[in-house]
Amino acid sequence: MKTYDVRVHPSSARLPREDQLAWHIASFAANPGPLDADVLEMIACRIVDNAAVALAAINRGPVASARAMALGHPRKGGATLYGLPATQRFDAEWAAWANSTAVRELDYHDTFLAAEYSHPGDAISPLIAVAQQMGVSGADLARGIAVHYEVHVALVKAISLHKYKKDHAGHLAPATTAGIGAMLGLPPEVIYQAVGQAVHLSFSTRQSRKGEISSWKAYVPGFTGKLAVECIDRAMRGEGSPSPIYEGEDSVIAWMLGGKDDVYHVTLPEAGESPRAILETYTKAHSAEYQAQALIDLAIEMGHQIPDWDQVKSIVLETSHHTHHVIGTGAADPQKSDPEASRETLDHSIMYILAVALEDGAWHHVDSYTRERARAADKRGLWHKITTVEHPDWTARYHEQDPDKRQFGGKIIITLRDGTVIEGARGVADAHPNGKAPWGWDAYVGKLQTLAGAELGSEALERFTAAAHALATLAPPEIDLLIPALPAGRVTPASVTGAGIFDHGL
């Protein structure tokens, strides 16, 4: 591993590309080491995880709309869509768009938290789509996925985007691009140009996750995946990109992040080193923002200790800066206390999430978010008795460099009207690698069975999971098995015919 100091340089310095972060990313992506067995196993787990949540969301509005847009771009020899038969093929960038939206819709797949937030599994759909269209092997696809995770985790550890109110797509896009370049075996010169374009075009504001959160949150990975495909395509044709994209005097660091006086320390494997960062990431057992995962587990346990909810005077959550300011009362978003708010907003309200998990003793990816459930929570009022406070100990745990000590939870303090205080704390979710019940292959397959097993059927489920587990040995035609189809009639019409530009006249 090697750490690079990344800062703004004046144009007059003519910073060599070999000293630029985009080049370091490209150089590693073009020359990664062999994949270890435990890395291959976890890649298989995340492919299963993505399919589980995508199929569970297959007929939800945003997913249907994204699919409708993709249906307007058929392509012989292209990529496939979740739920549809492999006989229907579409342009890879539009398959990336639709499939990534399906994966992201329920906010129910993997995460990595450090200086920035991320969902690195967002890149798997674009990589599979390009693999299908380009006819690459399972071993090539696995290499691309592993490289993506390595680059994504490195950027997330080193560079905070939310500090400057930028969305985390700014890290997802270049990492996805690097993964596609690695999968296709492209030279560093080509990957470098594609990464530069991806960084340049992917920066957007965090308003997509602030206030009244809309369905755009589900579309972000589809947008970045589609962008990554196009950036690689342009670079393969010999086109260049703005550079230095990170270090230039009018670059993203100079004007969108910390400015000319900031220095970022980015650690990447050197050429020939094996990527292992996927093992630092973790998935969700509950369909909610990751910083709520440990707290949902804790609330489910603590709810049984409350004999009468009307006797609760107050509930205080002591937690990290991020949790308090992003999904807690520190966000100062009135929408987080509104029963008529969108699902996406409730997913980012720890006050709502704690109230429902405490009252129900469970969490469900659909039932916990219905309008009726939100109105019932509002009527009972427990939701509005919850406040969050930042505690320095929890902030320090959140930013702990040692992944074995890093924690994202908090302490719940429930005070009853008679003065009784009930407390509990949880550092990591039960499913986390350091949790009570760390998830492995069987847990991921169990999630698929719970969310989509009945729709898939046992034979299709077994065929898909076997292919995912044997990823490194798959021949190019077998990549289709990684995007499972549902029986005919299980996928509802994509949208009203002719509702948009892409399906007009079809």
Protein backbone atom coordinates (compact mmCIF):
# COMPACT_ATOMS: atom_id res chain seq x y z
CA MET A 1 0.00 0.00 0.00
CA LYS A 2 1.16 3.52 -0.69
CA THR A 3 -0.19 6.84 0.58
CA TYR A 4 -0.36 9.80 -1.79
CA ASP A 5 -0.64 13.44 -0.72
CA VAL A 6 -3.25 15.09 -2.90
CA ARG A 7 -3.46 18.89 -3.05
CA VAL A 8 -4.02 21.75 -5.47
CA HIS A 9 -1.12 22.71 -7.74
CA PRO A 10 -0.98 25.85 -9.90
CA SER A 11 -1.20 25.36 -13.65
CA SER A 12 2.32 26.71 -13.97
CA ALA A 13 3.60 23.67 -12.05
CA ARG A 14 2.57 21.37 -14.93
CA LEU A 15 1.97 18.49 -12.51
CA PRO A 16 3.02 15.26 -14.29
CA ARG A 17 0.20 12.78 -14.70
CA GLU A 18 2.30 10.21 -12.83
CA ASP A 19 1.91 12.43 -9.73
CA GLN A 20 -1.86 12.78 -10.03
CA LEU A 21 -4.45 10.84 -8.03
CA ALA A 22 -6.36 9.84 -11.17
CA TRP A 23 -3.17 8.25 -12.49
CA HIS A 24 -2.53 6.38 -9.24
CA ILE A 25 -6.08 5.02 -9.42
CA ALA A 26 -5.64 4.04 -13.06
CA SER A 27 -2.23 2.48 -12.52
CA PHE A 28 -3.58 0.20 -9.81
CA ALA A 29 -6.75 -0.61 -11.77
CA ALA A 30 -4.66 -1.70 -14.75
CA ASN A 31 -2.39 -3.91 -12.64
CA PRO A 32 -4.19 -5.46 -9.64
CA GLY A 33 -2.92 -8.60 -7.97
CA PRO A 34 -4.79 -11.93 -7.90
CA LEU A 35 -7.99 -12.18 -5.89
CA ASP A 36 -7.95 -14.07 -2.60
CA ALA A 37 -10.56 -16.74 -1.87
CA ASP A 38 -12.27 -14.73 0.88
CA VAL A 39 -12.56 -11.74 -1.46
CA LEU A 40 -14.17 -13.89 -4.14
CA GLU A 41 -16.58 -15.26 -1.54
CA MET A 42 -17.63 -11.78 -0.46
CA ILE A 43 -18.08 -10.63 -4.05
CA ALA A 44 -20.48 -13.55 -4.50
CA CYS A 45 -22.31 -12.50 -1.34
CA ARG A 46 -22.78 -8.96 -2.64
CA ILE A 47 -24.06 -10.16 -6.02
CA VAL A 48 -26.69 -12.17 -4.12
CA ASP A 49 -27.43 -9.19 -1.86
CA ASN A 50 -28.01 -6.91 -4.84
CA ALA A 51 -30.35 -9.35 -6.53
CA ALA A 52 -32.34 -9.83 -3.33
CA VAL A 53 -33.11 -6.15 -2.86
CA ALA A 54 -33.55 -5.47 -6.58
CA LEU A 55 -36.16 -8.20 -6.99
CA ALA A 56 -37.91 -7.11 -3.80
CA ALA A 57 -38.27 -3.63 -5.31
CA ILE A 58 -38.97 -4.74 -8.88
CA ASN A 59 -42.48 -3.27 -9.16
CA ARG A 60 -42.01 -0.09 -7.15
CA GLY A 61 -42.58 3.17 -8.99
CA PRO A 62 -39.01 4.47 -9.45
CA VAL A 63 -37.79 1.02 -10.51
CA ALA A 64 -40.59 0.68 -13.05
CA SER A 65 -39.83 4.13 -14.44
CA ALA A 66 -36.12 3.35 -14.77
CA ARG A 67 -36.99 0.08 -16.49
CA ALA A 68 -39.31 1.90 -18.91
CA MET A 69 -36.46 4.17 -19.91
CA ALA A 70 -34.19 1.17 -20.50
CA LEU A 71 -36.85 -0.61 -22.55
CA GLY A 72 -36.58 2.23 -25.05
CA HIS A 73 -32.96 1.22 -25.77
CA PRO A 74 -32.96 -2.40 -27.00
CA ARG A 75 -29.67 -3.77 -28.33
CA LYS A 76 -28.83 -7.13 -29.79
CA GLY A 77 -26.01 -8.58 -27.71
CA GLY A 78 -26.55 -6.05 -24.93
CA ALA A 79 -27.23 -6.52 -21.22
CA THR A 80 -30.26 -7.83 -19.32
CA LEU A 81 -32.60 -6.35 -16.72
CA TYR A 82 -33.57 -7.74 -13.33
CA GLY A 83 -36.80 -9.70 -13.59
CA LEU A 84 -36.91 -9.91 -17.40
CA PRO A 85 -35.82 -12.89 -19.52
CA ALA A 86 -32.33 -12.95 -21.01
CA THR A 87 -33.86 -12.92 -24.50
CA GLN A 88 -34.52 -9.20 -23.97
CA ARG A 89 -31.27 -7.21 -24.27
CA PHE A 90 -30.55 -3.51 -23.88
CA ASP A 91 -27.68 -1.04 -24.17
CA ALA A 92 -25.28 -1.61 -21.29
CA GLU A 93 -25.52 1.95 -19.98
CA TRP A 94 -29.32 1.76 -19.79
CA ALA A 95 -29.21 -1.66 -18.14
CA ALA A 96 -26.83 -0.12 -15.62
CA TRP A 97 -29.32 2.70 -15.08
CA ALA A 98 -32.33 0.42 -14.53
CA ASN A 99 -30.63 -2.31 -12.52
CA SER A 100 -28.78 0.09 -10.23
CA THR A 101 -32.04 1.89 -9.49
CA ALA A 102 -33.67 -1.43 -8.58
CA VAL A 103 -30.80 -2.25 -6.21
CA ARG A 104 -30.80 1.18 -4.57
CA GLU A 105 -34.56 1.72 -4.21
CA LEU A 106 -35.05 0.07 -0.80
CA ASP A 107 -31.76 1.38 0.68
CA TYR A 108 -31.08 -2.18 1.73
CA HIS A 109 -27.65 -3.24 0.42
CA ASP A 110 -24.03 -2.71 1.37
CA THR A 111 -22.33 0.33 2.87
CA PHE A 112 -18.98 1.72 3.93
CA LEU A 113 -18.67 4.69 6.28
CA ALA A 114 -15.53 6.69 7.03
CA ALA A 115 -14.71 10.30 6.12
CA GLU A 116 -17.53 9.97 3.59
CA TYR A 117 -20.60 7.75 3.20
CA SER A 118 -20.89 5.17 0.43
CA HIS A 119 -22.77 2.21 -1.02
CA PRO A 120 -20.01 0.45 -2.99
CA GLY A 121 -22.38 -2.30 -4.15
CA ASP A 122 -23.98 0.34 -6.38
CA ALA A 123 -21.27 -0.40 -8.95
CA ILE A 124 -22.00 -4.10 -9.36
CA SER A 125 -24.91 -3.60 -11.79
CA PRO A 126 -22.94 -1.38 -14.22
CA LEU A 127 -20.03 -3.82 -14.15
CA ILE A 128 -22.28 -6.80 -14.90
CA ALA A 129 -24.01 -4.88 -17.70
CA VAL A 130 -20.70 -4.07 -19.40
CA ALA A 131 -19.49 -7.63 -18.85
CA GLN A 132 -22.58 -8.95 -20.66
CA GLN A 133 -22.25 -6.57 -23.59
CA MET A 134 -18.49 -7.01 -23.95
CA GLY A 135 -18.49 -10.78 -23.47
CA VAL A 136 -15.98 -10.95 -20.61
CA SER A 137 -15.52 -13.87 -18.23
CA GLY A 138 -16.56 -14.21 -14.61
CA ALA A 139 -12.92 -13.92 -13.56
CA ASP A 140 -12.64 -10.57 -15.37
CA LEU A 141 -15.87 -9.37 -13.76
CA ALA A 142 -14.66 -10.39 -10.31
CA ARG A 143 -11.44 -8.44 -10.87
CA GLY A 144 -13.39 -5.34 -11.84
CA ILE A 145 -15.67 -5.55 -8.82
CA ALA A 146 -12.73 -6.02 -6.44
CA VAL A 147 -10.85 -3.07 -7.94
CA HIS A 148 -13.94 -0.88 -7.70
CA TYR A 149 -14.31 -1.65 -3.99
CA GLU A 150 -10.63 -0.95 -3.40
CA VAL A 151 -10.72 2.47 -5.07
CA HIS A 152 -14.08 3.40 -3.60
CA VAL A 153 -13.07 2.54 -0.04
CA ALA A 154 -9.77 4.41 -0.43
CA LEU A 155 -11.56 7.59 -1.55
CA VAL A 156 -14.20 7.31 1.16
CA LYS A 157 -11.56 6.93 3.85
CA ALA A 158 -9.59 9.96 2.72
CA ILE A 159 -11.91 12.59 1.24
CA SER A 160 -15.07 13.91 2.87
CA LEU A 161 -17.60 15.16 0.36
CA HIS A 162 -20.52 15.86 2.69
CA LYS A 163 -18.38 18.33 4.65
CA TYR A 164 -18.66 20.57 1.59
CA LYS A 165 -22.30 19.55 0.92
CA LYS A 166 -21.42 17.35 -2.06
CA ASP A 167 -23.12 14.03 -2.70
CA HIS A 168 -21.16 10.80 -2.45
CA ALA A 169 -21.61 10.14 -6.19
CA GLY A 170 -18.34 12.03 -6.48
CA HIS A 171 -16.50 8.92 -5.26
CA LEU A 172 -18.82 6.29 -6.72
CA ALA A 173 -18.37 7.42 -10.33
CA PRO A 174 -14.56 7.30 -10.57
CA ALA A 175 -14.40 4.04 -8.63
CA THR A 176 -16.99 2.42 -10.91
CA THR A 177 -15.04 3.70 -13.90
CA ALA A 178 -11.81 2.23 -12.55
CA GLY A 179 -13.58 -1.09 -11.98
CA ILE A 180 -14.86 -1.22 -15.56
CA GLY A 181 -11.38 -0.39 -16.85
CA ALA A 182 -9.86 -3.16 -14.72
CA MET A 183 -12.48 -5.65 -15.89
CA LEU A 184 -11.80 -4.86 -19.54
CA GLY A 185 -8.02 -5.00 -19.04
CA LEU A 186 -7.54 -1.48 -20.33
CA PRO A 187 -4.14 0.27 -20.08
CA PRO A 188 -3.62 2.92 -17.41
CA GLU A 189 -3.61 5.73 -19.99
CA VAL A 190 -7.19 4.93 -21.00
CA ILE A 191 -8.45 4.40 -17.44
CA TYR A 192 -6.79 7.67 -16.39
CA GLN A 193 -8.72 9.67 -18.98
CA ALA A 194 -12.00 7.95 -18.12
CA VAL A 195 -11.54 8.51 -14.38
CA GLY A 196 -10.85 12.19 -14.99
CA GLN A 197 -14.08 12.58 -16.91
CA ALA A 198 -16.05 10.66 -14.30
CA VAL A 199 -14.80 12.88 -11.49
CA HIS A 200 -15.43 16.03 -13.50
CA LEU A 201 -19.04 15.15 -14.32
CA SER A 202 -20.23 13.44 -11.13
CA PHE A 203 -20.06 16.18 -8.51
CA SER A 204 -23.50 17.24 -7.28
CA THR A 205 -24.96 18.72 -4.10
CA ARG A 206 -26.23 16.90 -1.04
CA GLN A 207 -29.67 18.42 -1.45
CA SER A 208 -30.64 15.03 -2.86
CA ARG A 209 -30.40 13.73 0.73
CA LYS A 210 -31.69 16.81 2.53
CA GLY A 211 -35.18 18.14 3.25
CA GLU A 212 -37.88 16.34 1.28
CA ILE A 213 -35.87 13.43 -0.09
CA SER A 214 -37.22 12.22 -3.43
CA SER A 215 -36.83 9.14 -5.59
CA TRP A 216 -33.69 10.69 -7.10
CA LYS A 217 -31.79 9.06 -4.23
CA ALA A 218 -32.53 5.70 -5.86
CA TYR A 219 -31.45 6.94 -9.28
CA VAL A 220 -28.03 8.29 -8.25
CA PRO A 221 -26.11 5.01 -8.72
CA GLY A 222 -27.84 4.43 -12.04
CA PHE A 223 -26.78 7.90 -13.13
CA THR A 224 -23.17 7.34 -12.05
CA GLY A 225 -23.08 3.84 -13.53
CA LYS A 226 -24.36 5.10 -16.86
CA LEU A 227 -21.84 7.93 -16.67
CA ALA A 228 -18.99 5.51 -15.97
CA VAL A 229 -19.89 3.40 -19.01
CA GLU A 230 -19.89 6.48 -21.23
CA CYS A 231 -16.60 7.77 -19.80
CA ILE A 232 -14.87 4.47 -20.50
CA ASP A 233 -16.34 4.40 -24.01
CA ARG A 234 -15.05 7.89 -24.78
CA ALA A 235 -11.61 7.13 -23.39
CA MET A 236 -11.40 3.88 -25.40
CA ARG A 237 -11.90 6.04 -28.50
CA GLY A 238 -8.87 8.13 -27.55
CA GLU A 239 -10.69 11.10 -26.06
CA GLY A 240 -9.16 12.98 -23.15
CA SER A 241 -10.43 14.54 -19.95
CA PRO A 242 -9.86 17.67 -17.83
CA SER A 243 -6.62 17.28 -15.89
CA PRO A 244 -5.34 17.39 -13.29
CA ILE A 245 -8.92 16.74 -12.20
CA TYR A 246 -8.21 16.55 -8.48
CA GLU A 247 -5.13 18.77 -8.23
CA GLY A 248 -5.70 21.52 -10.82
CA GLU A 249 -6.10 25.13 -9.75
CA ASP A 250 -9.73 25.08 -10.96
CA SER A 251 -10.31 21.43 -10.01
CA VAL A 252 -12.80 19.74 -7.69
CA ILE A 253 -10.51 20.17 -4.68
CA ALA A 254 -9.92 23.82 -5.45
CA TRP A 255 -13.57 24.83 -5.82
CA MET A 256 -15.83 22.00 -4.66
CA LEU A 257 -13.92 20.67 -1.66
CA GLY A 258 -11.39 22.18 0.73
CA GLY A 259 -9.55 24.55 -1.58
CA LYS A 260 -5.90 25.19 -2.27
CA ASP A 261 -4.81 24.82 1.35
CA ASP A 262 -6.32 21.35 1.90
CA VAL A 263 -4.28 18.14 1.68
CA TYR A 264 -5.84 14.68 1.37
CA HIS A 265 -3.95 11.47 2.08
CA VAL A 266 -5.21 8.68 -0.16
CA THR A 267 -3.89 5.15 0.35
CA LEU A 268 -4.08 2.71 -2.55
CA PRO A 269 -2.50 -0.67 -3.30
CA GLU A 270 0.52 -0.54 -5.53
CA ALA A 271 0.61 -2.36 -8.86
CA GLY A 272 0.42 -6.10 -8.29
CA GLU A 273 -1.14 -5.91 -4.83
CA SER A 274 -4.32 -7.88 -4.28
CA PRO A 275 -7.46 -5.82 -3.60
CA ARG A 276 -9.10 -6.69 -0.26
CA ALA A 277 -11.12 -3.60 0.68
CA ILE A 278 -14.47 -5.30 0.06
CA LEU A 279 -13.89 -7.15 3.34
CA GLU A 280 -14.04 -3.84 5.23
CA THR A 281 -17.54 -3.12 3.92
CA TYR A 282 -20.82 -4.46 5.31
CA THR A 283 -24.43 -4.96 4.32
CA LYS A 284 -27.78 -4.25 5.95
CA ALA A 285 -30.09 -6.60 7.78
CA HIS A 286 -32.68 -3.80 7.88
CA SER A 287 -33.99 -1.56 5.12
CA ALA A 288 -32.85 1.78 6.54
CA GLU A 289 -29.91 4.18 6.45
CA TYR A 290 -26.81 2.31 7.66
CA GLN A 291 -26.27 4.48 10.72
CA ALA A 292 -29.62 3.19 11.97
CA GLN A 293 -28.69 -0.51 11.70
CA ALA A 294 -27.19 -1.04 15.16
CA LEU A 295 -29.84 1.20 16.69
CA ILE A 296 -32.66 -0.84 15.13
CA ASP A 297 -31.17 -4.01 16.65
CA LEU A 298 -30.92 -2.24 20.00
CA ALA A 299 -34.43 -0.76 19.84
CA ILE A 300 -35.96 -4.15 19.05
CA GLU A 301 -34.37 -5.50 22.22
CA MET A 302 -35.19 -2.49 24.42
CA GLY A 303 -38.82 -2.23 23.36
CA HIS A 304 -39.71 -5.26 25.47
CA GLN A 305 -38.61 -3.36 28.58
CA ILE A 306 -41.29 -0.67 28.23
CA PRO A 307 -44.56 -1.74 29.92
CA ASP A 308 -46.62 1.25 28.76
CA TRP A 309 -45.63 3.59 25.91
CA ASP A 310 -47.79 6.38 27.33
CA GLN A 311 -45.46 6.46 30.35
CA VAL A 312 -42.44 7.44 28.26
CA LYS A 313 -41.41 11.00 29.00
CA SER A 314 -38.44 11.32 26.68
CA ILE A 315 -35.94 9.35 24.63
CA VAL A 316 -32.44 10.66 23.98
CA LEU A 317 -30.02 9.10 21.52
CA GLU A 318 -26.36 9.85 22.16
CA THR A 319 -24.53 9.21 18.92
CA SER A 320 -21.91 10.42 16.45
CA HIS A 321 -21.74 13.74 14.69
CA HIS A 322 -22.74 12.12 11.40
CA THR A 323 -25.79 10.33 12.77
CA HIS A 324 -26.98 13.39 14.70
CA HIS A 325 -26.59 15.77 11.77
CA VAL A 326 -27.65 13.51 8.89
CA ILE A 327 -30.57 11.45 10.22
CA GLY A 328 -31.12 12.96 13.68
CA THR A 329 -32.58 16.14 15.09
CA GLY A 330 -29.29 17.89 14.30
CA ALA A 331 -30.29 17.87 10.63
CA ALA A 332 -33.01 20.43 11.49
CA ASP A 333 -35.28 18.94 8.83
CA PRO A 334 -38.96 19.25 9.82
CA GLN A 335 -39.75 16.64 7.18
CA LYS A 336 -38.11 14.01 9.40
CA SER A 337 -41.02 14.44 11.82
CA ASP A 338 -43.78 14.54 9.21
CA PRO A 339 -46.02 11.43 8.85
CA GLU A 340 -46.78 12.48 5.27
CA ALA A 341 -43.08 12.52 4.34
CA SER A 342 -41.71 10.28 1.59
CA ARG A 343 -40.33 6.84 2.30
CA GLU A 344 -36.91 8.16 1.37
CA THR A 345 -37.22 10.85 4.05
CA LEU A 346 -38.46 8.46 6.75
CA ASP A 347 -35.55 6.17 5.91
CA HIS A 348 -33.32 9.10 6.92
CA SER A 349 -35.17 9.90 10.18
CA ILE A 350 -33.69 8.06 13.15
CA MET A 351 -36.52 9.46 15.27
CA TYR A 352 -39.12 7.70 13.15
CA ILE A 353 -37.03 4.55 12.83
CA LEU A 354 -36.44 4.22 16.58
CA ALA A 355 -40.10 4.81 17.41
CA VAL A 356 -41.33 2.12 15.04
CA ALA A 357 -38.63 -0.41 15.99
CA LEU A 358 -39.34 0.15 19.70
CA GLU A 359 -43.10 -0.15 19.32
CA ASP A 360 -43.17 -3.07 16.88
CA GLY A 361 -40.19 -5.04 18.15
CA ALA A 362 -39.30 -5.62 14.50
CA TRP A 363 -38.42 -3.85 11.25
CA HIS A 364 -39.84 -4.59 7.81
CA HIS A 365 -38.74 -3.15 4.48
CA VAL A 366 -42.34 -2.44 3.44
CA ASP A 367 -44.63 -2.50 6.48
CA SER A 368 -42.45 -0.17 8.56
CA TYR A 369 -42.76 2.58 5.96
CA THR A 370 -46.44 2.56 4.99
CA ARG A 371 -48.40 5.79 5.25
CA GLU A 372 -50.67 4.07 7.79
CA ARG A 373 -47.68 3.08 9.94
CA ALA A 374 -46.27 6.60 9.84
CA ARG A 375 -49.60 8.12 10.80
CA ALA A 376 -49.99 5.64 13.66
CA ALA A 377 -46.52 6.54 14.93
CA ASP A 378 -47.44 10.22 14.73
CA LYS A 379 -50.67 9.66 16.63
CA ARG A 380 -48.99 7.74 19.46
CA GLY A 381 -46.41 10.51 19.72
CA LEU A 382 -43.37 8.49 20.80
CA TRP A 383 -41.69 9.64 17.59
CA HIS A 384 -41.80 13.25 18.73
CA LYS A 385 -40.31 12.50 22.15
CA ILE A 386 -37.01 11.42 20.59
CA THR A 387 -34.06 13.78 20.28
CA THR A 388 -30.47 13.11 19.29
CA VAL A 389 -27.28 14.62 20.66
CA GLU A 390 -23.74 14.36 19.41
CA HIS A 391 -21.40 12.67 21.87
CA PRO A 392 -17.63 12.96 21.26
CA ASP A 393 -17.00 9.33 22.21
CA TRP A 394 -19.34 8.09 19.52
CA THR A 395 -17.86 10.49 16.97
CA ALA A 396 -14.38 9.19 17.81
CA ARG A 397 -15.57 5.59 17.38
CA TYR A 398 -17.11 6.46 14.01
CA HIS A 399 -13.76 7.78 12.75
CA GLU A 400 -11.60 5.07 14.34
CA GLN A 401 -8.88 4.04 11.86
CA ASP A 402 -8.82 0.43 13.03
CA PRO A 403 -11.81 -1.30 11.33
CA ASP A 404 -12.05 -3.70 14.28
CA LYS A 405 -12.76 -0.73 16.57
CA ARG A 406 -14.86 1.43 14.23
CA GLN A 407 -18.49 1.81 15.40
CA PHE A 408 -21.61 3.51 14.06
CA GLY A 409 -24.16 3.11 16.83
CA GLY A 410 -25.10 4.99 19.95
CA LYS A 411 -26.73 4.93 23.37
CA ILE A 412 -30.50 5.09 23.86
CA ILE A 413 -31.71 6.65 27.12
CA ILE A 414 -35.44 6.24 27.83
CA THR A 415 -36.87 8.21 30.74
CA LEU A 416 -40.32 7.29 32.08
CA ARG A 417 -42.71 9.69 33.78
CA ASP A 418 -41.98 8.16 37.17
CA GLY A 419 -38.26 8.89 36.79
CA THR A 420 -37.21 5.38 35.80
CA VAL A 421 -34.36 5.39 33.28
CA ILE A 422 -33.78 2.53 30.86
CA GLU A 423 -30.52 2.59 28.91
CA GLY A 424 -28.84 0.53 26.24
CA ALA A 425 -25.93 0.93 23.85
CA ARG A 426 -24.87 -0.83 20.66
CA GLY A 427 -21.71 -0.07 18.68
CA VAL A 428 -22.24 -2.12 15.54
CA ALA A 429 -25.15 -3.93 13.96
CA ASP A 430 -25.55 -7.62 14.68
CA ALA A 431 -24.89 -8.37 10.99
CA HIS A 432 -21.65 -6.32 10.91
CA PRO A 433 -18.36 -8.26 10.66
CA ASN A 434 -17.72 -7.31 14.31
CA GLY A 435 -21.32 -7.81 15.42
CA LYS A 436 -23.15 -10.51 17.35
CA ALA A 437 -24.01 -12.49 14.22
CA PRO A 438 -21.69 -11.51 11.35
CA TRP A 439 -23.16 -12.26 7.96
CA GLY A 440 -21.62 -14.84 5.65
CA TRP A 441 -22.81 -16.69 2.55
CA ASP A 442 -25.74 -18.44 4.25
CA ALA A 443 -27.10 -15.15 5.64
CA TYR A 444 -26.99 -13.47 2.24
CA VAL A 445 -28.77 -16.40 0.62
CA GLY A 446 -31.28 -16.28 3.47
CA LYS A 447 -31.96 -12.62 2.72
CA LEU A 448 -32.60 -13.52 -0.93
CA GLN A 449 -34.95 -16.32 0.09
CA THR A 450 -36.88 -13.98 2.40
CA LEU A 451 -37.18 -11.09 -0.04
CA ALA A 452 -37.57 -12.87 -3.37
CA GLY A 453 -37.54 -16.65 -2.88
CA ALA A 454 -41.27 -17.07 -3.38
CA GLU A 455 -41.17 -15.05 -6.60
CA LEU A 456 -38.07 -16.71 -8.00
CA GLY A 457 -38.91 -20.29 -7.15
CA SER A 458 -36.46 -22.80 -5.70
CA GLU A 459 -34.88 -23.93 -8.98
CA ALA A 460 -34.17 -20.41 -10.23
CA LEU A 461 -32.87 -19.37 -6.82
CA GLU A 462 -30.48 -22.31 -6.69
CA ARG A 463 -29.32 -21.71 -10.25
CA PHE A 464 -28.60 -18.05 -9.53
CA THR A 465 -26.81 -18.58 -6.21
CA ALA A 466 -24.69 -21.37 -7.69
CA ALA A 467 -23.60 -19.07 -10.52
CA ALA A 468 -22.78 -16.24 -8.10
CA HIS A 469 -20.73 -18.58 -5.91
CA ALA A 470 -18.82 -19.86 -8.93
CA LEU A 471 -18.25 -16.38 -10.37
CA ALA A 472 -14.53 -16.80 -11.07
CA THR A 473 -15.19 -19.85 -13.25
CA LEU A 474 -18.09 -18.49 -15.33
CA ALA A 475 -17.74 -18.33 -19.10
CA PRO A 476 -18.99 -15.12 -20.79
CA PRO A 477 -22.46 -16.47 -21.70
CA GLU A 478 -22.98 -17.55 -18.09
CA ILE A 479 -22.78 -13.96 -16.82
CA ASP A 480 -26.47 -13.74 -17.75
CA LEU A 481 -27.21 -15.99 -14.77
CA LEU A 482 -26.21 -13.16 -12.41
CA ILE A 483 -29.29 -11.09 -13.37
CA PRO A 484 -32.15 -13.47 -12.52
CA ALA A 485 -35.48 -13.36 -14.31
CA LEU A 486 -38.87 -13.77 -12.69
CA PRO A 487 -41.67 -15.93 -14.09
CA ALA A 488 -43.75 -14.32 -16.81
CA GLY A 489 -46.27 -11.85 -15.49
CA ARG A 490 -44.45 -11.12 -12.22
CA VAL A 491 -42.97 -7.84 -13.49
CA THR A 492 -45.70 -5.26 -13.85
CA PRO A 493 -45.83 -2.97 -16.89
CA ALA A 494 -42.89 -0.61 -16.79
CA SER A 495 -45.00 2.54 -17.02
CA VAL A 496 -47.83 4.10 -18.95
CA THR A 497 -46.95 3.58 -22.60
CA GLY A 498 -45.56 6.75 -24.10
CA ALA A 499 -45.26 8.46 -20.73
CA GLY A 500 -41.80 9.78 -21.50
CA ILE A 501 -39.48 10.63 -24.37
CA PHE A 502 -37.77 7.23 -24.57
CA ASP A 503 -40.94 5.18 -24.86
CA HIS A 504 -42.89 7.62 -27.00
CA GLY A 505 -44.42 5.85 -29.95
CA LEU A 506 -43.37 2.35 -28.83
